[in-house]
C-alpha atoms as a PDB file:
ATOM      1  CA  MET A   1     -38.179  31.328   0.250  1.00  0.00           C
ATOM      2  CA  LEU A   2     -39.338  34.759  -0.689  1.00  0.00           C
ATOM      3  CA  GLU A   3     -40.407  33.881  -4.216  1.00  0.00           C
ATOM      4  CA  PRO A   4     -43.956  32.736  -3.303  1.00  0.00           C
ATOM      5  CA  HIS A   5     -44.514  36.126  -1.590  1.00  0.00           C
ATOM      6  CA  LEU A   6     -42.847  38.164  -4.333  1.00  0.00           C
ATOM      7  CA  PRO A   7     -44.061  36.640  -7.706  1.00  0.00           C
ATOM      8  CA  THR A   8     -42.210  39.267  -9.812  1.00  0.00           C
ATOM      9  CA  MET A   9     -38.876  38.651  -8.139  1.00  0.00           C
ATOM     10  CA  ALA A  10     -36.009  38.286 -10.625  1.00  0.00           C
ATOM     11  CA  ASN A  11     -33.449  35.418 -10.883  1.00  0.00           C
ATOM     12  CA  THR A  12     -31.019  34.776  -7.942  1.00  0.00           C
ATOM     13  CA  TRP A  13     -28.265  36.997  -9.297  1.00  0.00           C
ATOM     14  CA  THR A  14     -26.630  37.248  -5.872  1.00  0.00           C
ATOM     15  CA  ALA A  15     -25.990  33.571  -5.484  1.00  0.00           C
ATOM     16  CA  GLU A  16     -22.690  33.816  -7.328  1.00  0.00           C
ATOM     17  CA  THR A  17     -21.913  37.528  -7.083  1.00  0.00           C
ATOM     18  CA  VAL A  18     -19.865  39.398  -4.476  1.00  0.00           C
ATOM     19  CA  LEU A  19     -22.041  42.040  -2.953  1.00  0.00           C
ATOM     20  CA  PRO A  20     -20.808  45.498  -2.114  1.00  0.00           C
ATOM     21  CA  ASP A  21     -18.380  45.139   0.812  1.00  0.00           C
ATOM     22  CA  GLY A  22     -18.930  41.387   0.744  1.00  0.00           C
ATOM     23  CA  ASN A  23     -15.385  40.325  -0.075  1.00  0.00           C
ATOM     24  CA  ILE A  24     -13.456  41.070   3.124  1.00  0.00           C
ATOM     25  CA  GLY A  25     -10.619  38.567   2.774  1.00  0.00           C
ATOM     26  CA  ASP A  26      -9.659  36.618   5.922  1.00  0.00           C
ATOM     27  CA  GLN A  27     -11.232  37.431   9.205  1.00  0.00           C
ATOM     28  CA  ALA A  28      -8.069  38.373  11.077  1.00  0.00           C
ATOM     29  CA  SER A  29      -7.112  41.012   8.475  1.00  0.00           C
ATOM     30  CA  PHE A  30     -10.620  42.371   8.561  1.00  0.00           C
ATOM     31  CA  GLU A  31     -10.515  42.621  12.394  1.00  0.00           C
ATOM     32  CA  GLU A  32      -7.178  44.539  12.204  1.00  0.00           C
ATOM     33  CA  GLN A  33      -8.708  46.820   9.564  1.00  0.00           C
ATOM     34  CA  LEU A  34     -11.773  47.507  11.711  1.00  0.00           C
ATOM     35  CA  LEU A  35      -9.500  48.374  14.732  1.00  0.00           C
ATOM     36  CA  GLU A  36      -7.471  50.748  12.673  1.00  0.00           C
ATOM     37  CA  THR A  37     -10.451  52.429  11.115  1.00  0.00           C
ATOM     38  CA  TYR A  38     -12.589  52.584  14.204  1.00  0.00           C
ATOM     39  CA  PRO A  39     -10.242  53.032  17.203  1.00  0.00           C
ATOM     40  CA  PHE A  40     -13.174  53.192  19.590  1.00  0.00           C
ATOM     41  CA  LEU A  41     -13.768  49.500  19.098  1.00  0.00           C
ATOM     42  CA  ASP A  42     -12.104  46.913  21.349  1.00  0.00           C
ATOM     43  CA  ALA A  43     -10.787  43.571  20.127  1.00  0.00           C
ATOM     44  CA  VAL A  44     -13.957  41.629  21.205  1.00  0.00           C
ATOM     45  CA  GLN A  45     -16.210  44.097  19.270  1.00  0.00           C
ATOM     46  CA  ALA A  46     -14.035  43.898  16.144  1.00  0.00           C
ATOM     47  CA  ARG A  47     -14.070  40.070  16.229  1.00  0.00           C
ATOM     48  CA  ARG A  48     -17.875  40.109  16.605  1.00  0.00           C
ATOM     49  CA  TYR A  49     -18.337  42.506  13.689  1.00  0.00           C
ATOM     50  CA  ALA A  50     -15.822  40.679  11.526  1.00  0.00           C
ATOM     51  CA  ALA A  51     -17.307  37.177  12.247  1.00  0.00           C
ATOM     52  CA  PRO A  52     -19.015  35.585   9.181  1.00  0.00           C
ATOM     53  CA  THR A  53     -22.760  35.685   9.350  1.00  0.00           C
ATOM     54  CA  ALA A  54     -23.542  33.112   6.705  1.00  0.00           C
ATOM     55  CA  PRO A  55     -23.721  30.097   9.099  1.00  0.00           C
ATOM     56  CA  CYS A  56     -26.319  31.941  11.190  1.00  0.00           C
ATOM     57  CA  ALA A  57     -28.348  32.843   8.073  1.00  0.00           C
ATOM     58  CA  GLU A  58     -28.506  29.224   6.934  1.00  0.00           C
ATOM     59  CA  HIS A  59     -30.326  28.256  10.097  1.00  0.00           C
ATOM     60  CA  SER A  60     -32.902  31.196  10.020  1.00  0.00           C
END
């Protein structure tokens, strides 16, 4: 959708590439990792931060 506004935009290399920090594994493990790394987070915050954002992005 950006291509009409950015005519010099390159190919969609990100379509099949894992972006930096983009491969977090399963959500439960990632939540645990967040809680260990950032002890000031509570479980609700860790769940929110670990939640996948792709479904939201599809509807934007």
